Amino acid sequence: QQQIQHAMCSMVENHFNWTLVHWRSRDVNSLLKGYKMDLSACLGYKLPASVINFYIKHTYLRKGVKKMKAQGFGFNTAEEMEQFGKSDMKVLSDMLGEKEFMFGEEPSLLDLTV
């Protein structure tokens, strides 16, 4: 059980996380739509949306892409990254099944990581 927990935590932290970074980094519009964010309200600036989007694209999104490349995920296509994420979620879903927690009646480290 400890070994399975360690393997699943590693998958979430070292693999699934990069699919999320990819999703967040590839398109500012997807990011804003997915999180339902109003950047000017979040940042506290009264700038036009186009200026804020430009700033986000050239700072936040570039940093995400740079980090992905450093981890070896920056050269995969969007479809491959999406498939990686779906596969990871399928493994976790199959493992959880109809149970409330991954390993019995009590939450484990894996439950907290996910």
Protein backbone atom coordinates (compact mmCIF):
# COMPACT_ATOMS: atom_id res chain seq x y z
CA GLN A 1 0.00 0.00 0.00
CA GLN A 2 2.85 2.40 0.81
CA GLN A 3 4.53 1.68 -2.51
CA ILE A 4 1.33 2.22 -4.48
CA GLN A 5 0.71 5.43 -2.58
CA HIS A 6 4.23 6.66 -3.34
CA ALA A 7 3.90 5.78 -7.05
CA MET A 8 0.52 7.52 -7.36
CA CYS A 9 1.73 10.64 -5.49
CA SER A 10 4.75 10.78 -7.79
CA MET A 11 2.49 10.50 -10.83
CA VAL A 12 0.30 13.37 -9.64
CA GLU A 13 3.17 15.62 -8.56
CA ASN A 14 5.58 14.90 -11.42
CA HIS A 15 3.32 14.08 -14.36
CA PHE A 16 -0.25 15.29 -13.96
CA ASN A 17 0.95 18.63 -12.60
CA TRP A 18 2.72 19.35 -15.91
CA THR A 19 -0.47 18.69 -17.87
CA LEU A 20 -2.10 21.39 -15.76
CA VAL A 21 0.82 23.76 -16.32
CA HIS A 22 0.54 23.07 -20.05
CA TRP A 23 -3.18 23.85 -20.02
CA ARG A 24 -2.59 27.08 -18.09
CA SER A 25 0.36 28.12 -20.28
CA ARG A 26 -0.90 27.50 -23.78
CA ASP A 27 -3.65 30.12 -23.98
CA VAL A 28 -4.54 33.03 -21.74
CA ASN A 29 -8.17 32.90 -22.86
CA SER A 30 -8.52 29.25 -21.77
CA LEU A 31 -6.97 30.13 -18.43
CA LEU A 32 -9.32 33.04 -17.79
CA LYS A 33 -12.37 31.13 -18.98
CA GLY A 34 -11.49 28.01 -16.99
CA TYR A 35 -10.93 29.90 -13.77
CA LYS A 36 -13.67 32.47 -14.52
CA MET A 37 -11.29 35.28 -13.60
CA ASP A 38 -11.51 39.00 -14.14
CA LEU A 39 -7.83 39.90 -14.20
CA SER A 40 -8.30 43.62 -13.69
CA ALA A 41 -10.29 42.92 -10.51
CA CYS A 42 -7.81 40.25 -9.35
CA LEU A 43 -4.77 42.43 -9.91
CA GLY A 44 -6.41 45.63 -8.72
CA TYR A 45 -5.52 47.53 -11.90
CA LYS A 46 -7.90 49.55 -14.03
CA LEU A 47 -6.11 48.74 -17.28
CA PRO A 48 -7.75 47.58 -20.50
CA ALA A 49 -8.11 43.82 -20.84
CA SER A 50 -5.83 43.78 -23.88
CA VAL A 51 -2.95 45.32 -21.90
CA ILE A 52 -3.41 42.86 -19.03
CA ASN A 53 -3.64 39.90 -21.45
CA PHE A 54 -0.42 41.04 -23.15
CA TYR A 55 1.32 41.26 -19.77
CA ILE A 56 0.09 37.79 -18.72
CA LYS A 57 1.15 36.23 -22.04
CA HIS A 58 4.65 37.64 -21.80
CA THR A 59 5.28 36.83 -18.15
CA TYR A 60 3.14 34.11 -16.62
CA LEU A 61 2.56 32.01 -19.73
CA ARG A 62 6.17 32.19 -20.93
CA LYS A 63 7.42 31.10 -17.53
CA GLY A 64 5.09 28.09 -17.61
CA VAL A 65 6.34 27.06 -21.05
CA LYS A 66 9.95 27.50 -19.96
CA LYS A 67 9.40 25.31 -16.89
CA MET A 68 7.67 22.65 -18.99
CA LYS A 69 10.59 22.52 -21.41
CA ALA A 70 12.99 22.17 -18.50
CA GLN A 71 10.99 19.15 -17.28
CA GLY A 72 10.92 17.57 -20.73
CA PHE A 73 7.22 18.19 -21.43
CA GLY A 74 7.55 21.33 -23.56
CA PHE A 75 7.92 19.50 -26.85
CA ASN A 76 4.75 17.41 -26.66
CA THR A 77 1.73 18.41 -28.69
CA ALA A 78 -1.42 19.72 -27.01
CA GLU A 79 -3.18 16.46 -27.85
CA GLU A 80 -0.42 14.39 -26.23
CA MET A 81 -0.48 16.50 -23.08
CA GLU A 82 -4.26 16.23 -22.90
CA GLN A 83 -4.01 12.45 -23.30
CA PHE A 84 -1.39 12.29 -20.51
CA GLY A 85 -3.75 14.13 -18.18
CA LYS A 86 -6.74 11.98 -19.11
CA SER A 87 -4.71 8.80 -18.60
CA ASP A 88 -3.54 9.96 -15.17
CA MET A 89 -7.08 10.84 -14.13
CA LYS A 90 -8.37 7.47 -15.41
CA VAL A 91 -5.81 5.62 -13.28
CA LEU A 92 -6.82 7.62 -10.19
CA SER A 93 -10.52 7.18 -10.94
CA ASP A 94 -10.15 3.41 -11.39
CA MET A 95 -8.18 3.21 -8.18
CA LEU A 96 -10.77 5.17 -6.21
CA GLY A 97 -13.75 3.34 -7.69
CA GLU A 98 -16.79 3.76 -5.44
CA LYS A 99 -14.75 4.23 -2.27
CA GLU A 100 -14.72 7.46 -0.33
CA PHE A 101 -10.93 7.38 0.15
CA MET A 102 -8.15 5.67 -1.79
CA PHE A 103 -7.09 3.25 0.97
CA GLY A 104 -10.03 2.45 3.21
CA GLU A 105 -11.99 4.56 5.66
CA GLU A 106 -9.33 7.16 6.49
CA PRO A 107 -7.76 9.79 4.18
CA SER A 108 -4.18 9.03 3.18
CA LEU A 109 -1.35 11.11 1.79
CA LEU A 110 -2.53 10.22 -1.72
CA ASP A 111 -6.02 11.57 -1.00
CA LEU A 112 -4.49 14.81 0.19
CA THR A 113 -2.16 15.04 -2.80
CA VAL A 114 -4.97 14.51 -5.29
